Amino acid sequence: MKARHMRFYDRVFGADPAYWRSVSPSGVLAPDATPMLLVCSTQRADNPCA
């Protein structure tokens, strides 16, 4: 959220960095976490997979 992003995210997630961390999947990943599928498109120009 610190990088350039669509304003839609500000309306959805607000402006509190602590909240962003609490709802971020990468903030709650652990070795014993429930399996999940995360998809990243390498075809997008903004390089979201980095």
PDB file of N, CA and C in Angstrom:
ATOM      1  N   MET A   1       0.809  -1.188   0.000  1.00  0.00           N
ATOM      2  CA  MET A   1       0.000   0.000   0.000  1.00  0.00           C
ATOM      3  C   MET A   1       0.858   1.260   0.000  1.00  0.00           C
ATOM      4  N   LYS A   2       2.131   1.117   0.296  1.00  0.00           N
ATOM      5  CA  LYS A   2       3.006   2.288   0.253  1.00  0.00           C
ATOM      6  C   LYS A   2       3.413   2.623  -1.170  1.00  0.00           C
ATOM      7  N   ALA A   3       3.398   1.615  -2.041  1.00  0.00           N
ATOM      8  CA  ALA A   3       3.736   1.840  -3.443  1.00  0.00           C
ATOM      9  C   ALA A   3       2.522   2.408  -4.181  1.00  0.00           C
ATOM     10  N   ARG A   4       2.728   2.858  -5.375  1.00  0.00           N
ATOM     11  CA  ARG A   4       1.638   3.394  -6.189  1.00  0.00           C
ATOM     12  C   ARG A   4       0.580   2.301  -6.386  1.00  0.00           C
ATOM     13  N   HIS A   5      -0.692   2.647  -6.179  1.00  0.00           N
ATOM     14  CA  HIS A   5      -1.773   1.683  -6.293  1.00  0.00           C
ATOM     15  C   HIS A   5      -3.074   2.393  -6.669  1.00  0.00           C
ATOM     16  N   MET A   6      -4.064   1.618  -7.058  1.00  0.00           N
ATOM     17  CA  MET A   6      -5.354   2.206  -7.418  1.00  0.00           C
ATOM     18  C   MET A   6      -6.043   2.759  -6.166  1.00  0.00           C
ATOM     19  N   ARG A   7      -6.713   3.894  -6.295  1.00  0.00           N
ATOM     20  CA  ARG A   7      -7.369   4.520  -5.148  1.00  0.00           C
ATOM     21  C   ARG A   7      -8.464   3.640  -4.551  1.00  0.00           C
ATOM     22  N   PHE A   8      -8.964   2.699  -5.349  1.00  0.00           N
ATOM     23  CA  PHE A   8      -9.975   1.772  -4.859  1.00  0.00           C
ATOM     24  C   PHE A   8      -9.498   1.087  -3.565  1.00  0.00           C
ATOM     25  N   TYR A   9      -8.215   0.739  -3.504  1.00  0.00           N
ATOM     26  CA  TYR A   9      -7.691   0.059  -2.330  1.00  0.00           C
ATOM     27  C   TYR A   9      -7.753   0.944  -1.085  1.00  0.00           C
ATOM     28  N   ASP A  10      -7.591   2.235  -1.249  1.00  0.00           N
ATOM     29  CA  ASP A  10      -7.690   3.139  -0.108  1.00  0.00           C
ATOM     30  C   ASP A  10      -9.098   3.119   0.467  1.00  0.00           C
ATOM     31  N   ARG A  11     -10.104   3.077  -0.417  1.00  0.00           N
ATOM     32  CA  ARG A  11     -11.486   3.035   0.060  1.00  0.00           C
ATOM     33  C   ARG A  11     -11.792   1.713   0.758  1.00  0.00           C
ATOM     34  N   VAL A  12     -11.225   0.641   0.272  1.00  0.00           N
ATOM     35  CA  VAL A  12     -11.505  -0.684   0.826  1.00  0.00           C
ATOM     36  C   VAL A  12     -10.706  -0.935   2.107  1.00  0.00           C
ATOM     37  N   PHE A  13      -9.400  -0.642   2.085  1.00  0.00           N
ATOM     38  CA  PHE A  13      -8.530  -1.007   3.195  1.00  0.00           C
ATOM     39  C   PHE A  13      -8.186   0.140   4.142  1.00  0.00           C
ATOM     40  N   GLY A  14      -8.607   1.353   3.836  1.00  0.00           N
ATOM     41  CA  GLY A  14      -8.347   2.474   4.724  1.00  0.00           C
ATOM     42  C   GLY A  14      -6.907   2.953   4.678  1.00  0.00           C
ATOM     43  N   ALA A  15      -6.500   3.665   5.723  1.00  0.00           N
ATOM     44  CA  ALA A  15      -5.180   4.288   5.731  1.00  0.00           C
ATOM     45  C   ALA A  15      -4.312   3.851   6.909  1.00  0.00           C
ATOM     46  N   ASP A  16      -4.697   2.784   7.596  1.00  0.00           N
ATOM     47  CA  ASP A  16      -3.971   2.343   8.783  1.00  0.00           C
ATOM     48  C   ASP A  16      -3.007   1.202   8.455  1.00  0.00           C
ATOM     49  N   PRO A  17      -1.693   1.462   8.458  1.00  0.00           N
ATOM     50  CA  PRO A  17      -0.713   0.419   8.143  1.00  0.00           C
ATOM     51  C   PRO A  17      -0.813  -0.809   9.055  1.00  0.00           C
ATOM     52  N   ALA A  18      -1.191  -0.625  10.309  1.00  0.00           N
ATOM     53  CA  ALA A  18      -1.347  -1.775  11.212  1.00  0.00           C
ATOM     54  C   ALA A  18      -2.478  -2.676  10.726  1.00  0.00           C
ATOM     55  N   TYR A  19      -3.544  -2.082  10.232  1.00  0.00           N
ATOM     56  CA  TYR A  19      -4.654  -2.865   9.690  1.00  0.00           C
ATOM     57  C   TYR A  19      -4.217  -3.596   8.430  1.00  0.00           C
ATOM     58  N   TRP A  20      -3.458  -2.920   7.564  1.00  0.00           N
ATOM     59  CA  TRP A  20      -2.970  -3.559   6.331  1.00  0.00           C
ATOM     60  C   TRP A  20      -2.199  -4.827   6.678  1.00  0.00           C
ATOM     61  N   ARG A  21      -1.300  -4.731   7.667  1.00  0.00           N
ATOM     62  CA  ARG A  21      -0.504  -5.892   8.060  1.00  0.00           C
ATOM     63  C   ARG A  21      -1.386  -7.005   8.618  1.00  0.00           C
ATOM     64  N   SER A  22      -2.419  -6.631   9.373  1.00  0.00           N
ATOM     65  CA  SER A  22      -3.264  -7.646   9.999  1.00  0.00           C
ATOM     66  C   SER A  22      -4.109  -8.420   8.997  1.00  0.00           C
ATOM     67  N   VAL A  23      -4.406  -7.838   7.839  1.00  0.00           N
ATOM     68  CA  VAL A  23      -5.233  -8.523   6.837  1.00  0.00           C
ATOM     69  C   VAL A  23      -4.419  -9.031   5.650  1.00  0.00           C
ATOM     70  N   SER A  24      -3.127  -8.812   5.660  1.00  0.00           N
ATOM     71  CA  SER A  24      -2.282  -9.257   4.558  1.00  0.00           C
ATOM     72  C   SER A  24      -1.990 -10.750   4.678  1.00  0.00           C
ATOM     73  N   PRO A  25      -2.245 -11.529   3.628  1.00  0.00           N
ATOM     74  CA  PRO A  25      -1.930 -12.959   3.693  1.00  0.00           C
ATOM     75  C   PRO A  25      -0.467 -13.224   4.038  1.00  0.00           C
ATOM     76  N   SER A  26       0.437 -12.403   3.545  1.00  0.00           N
ATOM     77  CA  SER A  26       1.853 -12.641   3.831  1.00  0.00           C
ATOM     78  C   SER A  26       2.190 -12.382   5.295  1.00  0.00           C
ATOM     79  N   GLY A  27       1.348 -11.643   5.998  1.00  0.00           N
ATOM     80  CA  GLY A  27       1.588 -11.376   7.408  1.00  0.00           C
ATOM     81  C   GLY A  27       1.162 -12.491   8.335  1.00  0.00           C
ATOM     82  N   VAL A  28       0.363 -13.421   7.827  1.00  0.00           N
ATOM     83  CA  VAL A  28      -0.141 -14.493   8.678  1.00  0.00           C
ATOM     84  C   VAL A  28       0.310 -15.880   8.215  1.00  0.00           C
ATOM     85  N   LEU A  29       1.182 -15.947   7.216  1.00  0.00           N
ATOM     86  CA  LEU A  29       1.659 -17.240   6.750  1.00  0.00           C
ATOM     87  C   LEU A  29       2.541 -17.904   7.804  1.00  0.00           C
ATOM     88  N   ALA A  30       2.344 -19.186   7.974  1.00  0.00           N
ATOM     89  CA  ALA A  30       3.126 -19.966   8.927  1.00  0.00           C
ATOM     90  C   ALA A  30       3.274 -21.371   8.365  1.00  0.00           C
ATOM     91  N   PRO A  31       4.287 -22.119   8.812  1.00  0.00           N
ATOM     92  CA  PRO A  31       4.491 -23.474   8.286  1.00  0.00           C
ATOM     93  C   PRO A  31       3.269 -24.380   8.436  1.00  0.00           C
ATOM     94  N   ASP A  32       2.474 -24.178   9.480  1.00  0.00           N
ATOM     95  CA  ASP A  32       1.307 -25.030   9.703  1.00  0.00           C
ATOM     96  C   ASP A  32       0.003 -24.395   9.204  1.00  0.00           C
ATOM     97  N   ALA A  33       0.105 -23.382   8.352  1.00  0.00           N
ATOM     98  CA  ALA A  33      -1.083 -22.694   7.834  1.00  0.00           C
ATOM     99  C   ALA A  33      -1.890 -23.607   6.917  1.00  0.00           C
ATOM    100  N   THR A  34      -3.169 -23.315   6.792  1.00  0.00           N
ATOM    101  CA  THR A  34      -4.032 -24.050   5.888  1.00  0.00           C
ATOM    102  C   THR A  34      -3.524 -23.864   4.462  1.00  0.00           C
ATOM    103  N   PRO A  35      -3.424 -24.940   3.680  1.00  0.00           N
ATOM    104  CA  PRO A  35      -2.962 -24.816   2.295  1.00  0.00           C
ATOM    105  C   PRO A  35      -3.845 -23.854   1.497  1.00  0.00           C
ATOM    106  N   MET A  36      -3.233 -23.096   0.599  1.00  0.00           N
ATOM    107  CA  MET A  36      -3.979 -22.164  -0.237  1.00  0.00           C
ATOM    108  C   MET A  36      -3.268 -22.032  -1.581  1.00  0.00           C
ATOM    109  N   LEU A  37      -3.998 -21.529  -2.541  1.00  0.00           N
ATOM    110  CA  LEU A  37      -3.445 -21.295  -3.861  1.00  0.00           C
ATOM    111  C   LEU A  37      -3.368 -19.789  -4.080  1.00  0.00           C
ATOM    112  N   LEU A  38      -2.177 -19.275  -4.349  1.00  0.00           N
ATOM    113  CA  LEU A  38      -1.980 -17.867  -4.652  1.00  0.00           C
ATOM    114  C   LEU A  38      -1.542 -17.772  -6.107  1.00  0.00           C
ATOM    115  N   VAL A  39      -2.152 -16.875  -6.841  1.00  0.00           N
ATOM    116  CA  VAL A  39      -1.877 -16.748  -8.264  1.00  0.00           C
ATOM    117  C   VAL A  39      -1.298 -15.367  -8.545  1.00  0.00           C
ATOM    118  N   CYS A  40      -0.290 -15.329  -9.390  1.00  0.00           N
ATOM    119  CA  CYS A  40       0.356 -14.080  -9.761  1.00  0.00           C
ATOM    120  C   CYS A  40       0.554 -14.073 -11.272  1.00  0.00           C
ATOM    121  N   SER A  41       0.164 -12.993 -11.936  1.00  0.00           N
ATOM    122  CA  SER A  41       0.287 -12.915 -13.387  1.00  0.00           C
ATOM    123  C   SER A  41       1.596 -12.259 -13.799  1.00  0.00           C
ATOM    124  N   THR A  42       2.406 -12.987 -14.540  1.00  0.00           N
ATOM    125  CA  THR A  42       3.657 -12.415 -15.035  1.00  0.00           C
ATOM    126  C   THR A  42       3.423 -11.635 -16.325  1.00  0.00           C
ATOM    127  N   GLN A  43       2.185 -11.589 -16.796  1.00  0.00           N
ATOM    128  CA  GLN A  43       1.865 -10.892 -18.024  1.00  0.00           C
ATOM    129  C   GLN A  43       1.512  -9.420 -17.791  1.00  0.00           C
ATOM    130  N   ARG A  44       1.317  -9.018 -16.540  1.00  0.00           N
ATOM    131  CA  ARG A  44       0.966  -7.634 -16.255  1.00  0.00           C
ATOM    132  C   ARG A  44       2.182  -6.736 -16.333  1.00  0.00           C
ATOM    133  N   ALA A  45       1.989  -5.539 -16.824  1.00  0.00           N
ATOM    134  CA  ALA A  45       3.094  -4.598 -17.007  1.00  0.00           C
ATOM    135  C   ALA A  45       3.663  -4.064 -15.689  1.00  0.00           C
ATOM    136  N   ASP A  46       2.865  -4.098 -14.611  1.00  0.00           N
ATOM    137  CA  ASP A  46       3.338  -3.533 -13.347  1.00  0.00           C
ATOM    138  C   ASP A  46       4.141  -4.521 -12.487  1.00  0.00           C
ATOM    139  N   ASN A  47       4.468  -5.711 -13.035  1.00  0.00           N
ATOM    140  CA  ASN A  47       5.321  -6.697 -12.393  1.00  0.00           C
ATOM    141  C   ASN A  47       4.853  -7.051 -10.969  1.00  0.00           C
ATOM    142  N   PRO A  48       3.599  -7.499 -10.800  1.00  0.00           N
ATOM    143  CA  PRO A  48       3.074  -7.756  -9.472  1.00  0.00           C
ATOM    144  C   PRO A  48       3.704  -8.956  -8.775  1.00  0.00           C
ATOM    145  N   CYS A  49       4.374  -9.825  -9.502  1.00  0.00           N
ATOM    146  CA  CYS A  49       4.937 -11.032  -8.898  1.00  0.00           C
ATOM    147  C   CYS A  49       6.246 -10.768  -8.167  1.00  0.00           C
ATOM    148  N   ALA A  50       6.809  -9.628  -8.386  1.00  0.00           N
ATOM    149  CA  ALA A  50       8.079  -9.301  -7.704  1.00  0.00           C
ATOM    150  C   ALA A  50       7.828  -9.223  -6.220  1.00  0.00           C
TER     151      ALA A  50
END
